[in-house]
């Protein structure tokens, strides 16, 4: 013979309202912790991105090829031993360990007297305390201080 189980009313308990769940307090605390960690992580990531975007600067400058010009104001480019110096050629900026941190490119060369001058801009160069390496084509790497980089570079070949 089987007995019917007792109902909550027979046990002296209030029956649960249909559609309403009772969550244990630890579940609510856990959900609050997860929400807090997600928000804190997002805020931290946002702060890192903000810092990266605001702790960099743009380097401007020019590269002058001696005796590479034609008529003043005319478009020019490197020739003979400077044939690799052309508009769009990369200028690579590296940190003291040699890791590439920014890349720019030469603009169109313009004749100034007997020289050919290529302007350039290198955006998002991160701030550093020591020095930067600047490499143009296969001409080796030159080093510059942070102040020199901010003041603008005037390179000569």
Protein backbone atom coordinates (compact mmCIF):
# COMPACT_ATOMS: atom_id res chain seq x y z
CA UNK A 1 0.00 0.00 0.00
CA UNK A 2 1.39 3.38 -0.95
CA UNK A 3 0.72 6.55 0.83
CA UNK A 4 0.01 9.81 -0.93
CA UNK A 5 2.62 12.47 -0.21
CA UNK A 6 1.51 15.34 1.97
CA UNK A 7 0.81 18.68 0.36
CA UNK A 8 2.54 21.88 1.52
CA UNK A 9 -0.71 23.04 3.09
CA UNK A 10 -0.94 19.83 5.12
CA UNK A 11 2.63 20.40 6.31
CA UNK A 12 1.75 23.93 7.44
CA UNK A 13 3.72 25.66 4.68
CA UNK A 14 2.48 28.28 2.29
CA UNK A 15 2.27 26.98 -1.24
CA UNK A 16 4.62 28.73 -3.70
CA UNK A 17 2.96 31.14 -6.06
CA UNK A 18 2.81 29.78 -9.60
CA UNK A 19 5.47 31.34 -11.88
CA UNK A 20 7.50 32.75 -8.97
CA UNK A 21 10.86 31.20 -8.13
CA UNK A 22 12.79 31.63 -5.00
CA UNK A 23 16.51 31.97 -5.59
CA UNK A 24 18.92 31.18 -2.84
CA UNK A 25 20.89 34.18 -1.61
CA UNK A 26 24.19 32.68 -2.82
CA UNK A 27 22.89 32.66 -6.42
CA UNK A 28 22.07 36.38 -6.19
CA UNK A 29 25.48 37.14 -4.68
CA UNK A 30 27.20 35.09 -7.39
CA UNK A 31 25.33 36.95 -10.13
CA UNK A 32 26.29 40.29 -8.56
CA UNK A 33 29.96 39.27 -8.40
CA UNK A 34 29.98 38.16 -12.04
CA UNK A 35 28.35 41.43 -13.10
CA UNK A 36 30.88 43.44 -11.08
CA UNK A 37 33.84 41.57 -12.57
CA UNK A 38 32.54 42.02 -16.11
CA UNK A 39 32.11 45.76 -15.57
CA UNK A 40 35.50 46.09 -13.85
CA UNK A 41 37.21 44.18 -16.67
CA UNK A 42 35.56 46.35 -19.30
CA UNK A 43 36.54 49.52 -17.45
CA UNK A 44 40.14 48.32 -17.11
CA UNK A 45 40.37 47.40 -20.80
CA UNK A 46 38.86 50.77 -21.70
CA UNK A 47 41.42 52.57 -19.55
CA UNK A 48 44.28 50.70 -21.23
CA UNK A 49 42.97 51.56 -24.71
CA UNK A 50 42.43 55.20 -23.67
CA UNK A 51 45.96 55.39 -22.28
CA UNK A 52 47.43 53.84 -25.42
CA UNK A 53 45.61 56.31 -27.64
CA UNK A 54 46.54 59.30 -25.49
CA UNK A 55 50.13 58.33 -24.71
CA UNK A 56 51.25 58.36 -28.31
CA UNK A 57 52.16 61.17 -30.67
CA UNK A 58 52.71 61.86 -34.35
CA UNK A 59 56.15 62.40 -35.82
CA UNK A 60 56.48 64.68 -38.83
CA UNK A 61 59.56 65.37 -40.84
CA UNK A 62 61.27 65.09 -44.18
CA UNK A 63 63.99 63.17 -45.95
CA UNK A 64 66.29 65.17 -48.24
CA UNK A 65 68.27 63.58 -51.06
CA UNK A 66 71.19 65.80 -52.02
CA UNK A 67 71.61 66.42 -55.75
CA UNK A 68 68.44 64.47 -56.53
CA UNK A 69 66.27 67.36 -57.65
CA UNK A 70 65.31 68.71 -61.00
CA UNK A 71 63.38 71.96 -61.38
CA UNK A 72 62.21 73.71 -58.16
CA UNK A 73 58.74 72.53 -57.17
CA UNK A 74 58.75 69.63 -59.62
CA UNK A 75 57.98 66.08 -58.49
CA UNK A 76 61.15 64.06 -57.97
CA UNK A 77 62.33 60.70 -56.68
CA UNK A 78 65.59 58.98 -55.91
CA UNK A 79 67.80 57.78 -58.74
CA UNK A 80 70.94 55.72 -59.18
CA UNK A 81 72.13 54.75 -55.69
CA UNK A 82 68.94 56.24 -54.21
CA UNK A 83 66.52 54.49 -56.57
CA UNK A 84 64.91 52.77 -53.56
CA UNK A 85 63.84 56.15 -52.15
CA UNK A 86 60.35 56.64 -53.62
CA UNK A 87 56.96 57.90 -52.42
CA UNK A 88 55.22 55.33 -50.22
CA UNK A 89 58.46 53.77 -48.97
CA UNK A 90 58.13 52.76 -45.32
CA UNK A 91 59.80 54.48 -42.41
CA UNK A 92 59.98 52.08 -39.48
CA UNK A 93 60.19 53.23 -35.85
CA UNK A 94 61.43 50.72 -33.27
CA UNK A 95 61.94 50.65 -29.50
CA UNK A 96 65.35 50.11 -27.81
CA UNK A 97 64.92 46.32 -28.15
CA UNK A 98 64.38 46.64 -31.91
CA UNK A 99 60.65 45.86 -31.83
CA UNK A 100 58.66 47.78 -34.45
CA UNK A 101 56.32 50.24 -32.71
CA UNK A 102 55.13 52.45 -35.60
CA UNK A 103 55.34 52.71 -39.37
CA UNK A 104 55.03 55.72 -41.64
CA UNK A 105 55.63 56.36 -45.33
CA UNK A 106 57.35 58.91 -47.50
CA UNK A 107 55.14 61.38 -49.32
CA UNK A 108 55.73 62.64 -52.83
CA UNK A 109 59.20 64.11 -53.40
CA UNK A 110 59.44 67.78 -54.37
CA UNK A 111 62.53 69.50 -55.80
CA UNK A 112 64.06 72.30 -53.77
CA UNK A 113 67.13 73.61 -55.54
CA UNK A 114 69.28 70.60 -56.33
CA UNK A 115 67.67 68.53 -53.55
CA UNK A 116 64.66 66.20 -53.58
CA UNK A 117 62.62 66.48 -50.35
CA UNK A 118 60.14 63.80 -49.23
CA UNK A 119 57.78 64.75 -46.38
CA UNK A 120 56.55 62.05 -44.01
CA UNK A 121 54.22 61.49 -41.08
CA UNK A 122 54.37 58.63 -38.60
CA UNK A 123 51.22 58.36 -36.48
CA UNK A 124 50.71 56.60 -33.13
CA UNK A 125 54.33 56.55 -31.97
CA UNK A 126 54.22 55.40 -28.32
CA UNK A 127 55.94 57.49 -25.66
CA UNK A 128 59.27 56.08 -24.47
CA UNK A 129 61.90 57.28 -22.06
CA UNK A 130 65.08 56.16 -23.81
CA UNK A 131 65.42 56.35 -27.57
CA UNK A 132 63.81 55.33 -30.83
CA UNK A 133 65.31 53.61 -33.83
CA UNK A 134 64.34 54.95 -37.25
CA UNK A 135 64.97 52.83 -40.33
CA UNK A 136 64.49 53.94 -43.93
CA UNK A 137 64.78 51.28 -46.61
CA UNK A 138 68.03 49.35 -46.21
CA UNK A 139 70.00 52.37 -45.02
CA UNK A 140 70.52 51.20 -41.45
CA UNK A 141 68.88 52.36 -38.24
CA UNK A 142 69.54 55.74 -36.67
CA UNK A 143 68.65 56.56 -33.08
CA UNK A 144 66.75 59.61 -31.85
CA UNK A 145 65.69 60.87 -28.44
CA UNK A 146 62.01 61.37 -27.57
CA UNK A 147 62.55 65.16 -27.79
CA UNK A 148 64.05 64.89 -31.27
CA UNK A 149 61.10 62.76 -32.39
CA UNK A 150 58.55 65.26 -31.03
CA UNK A 151 60.40 68.24 -32.52
CA UNK A 152 60.32 66.64 -35.99
CA UNK A 153 62.95 64.78 -37.95
CA UNK A 154 64.98 66.17 -40.83
CA UNK A 155 66.90 63.32 -42.42
CA UNK A 156 69.54 63.62 -45.14
CA UNK A 157 71.06 61.19 -47.63
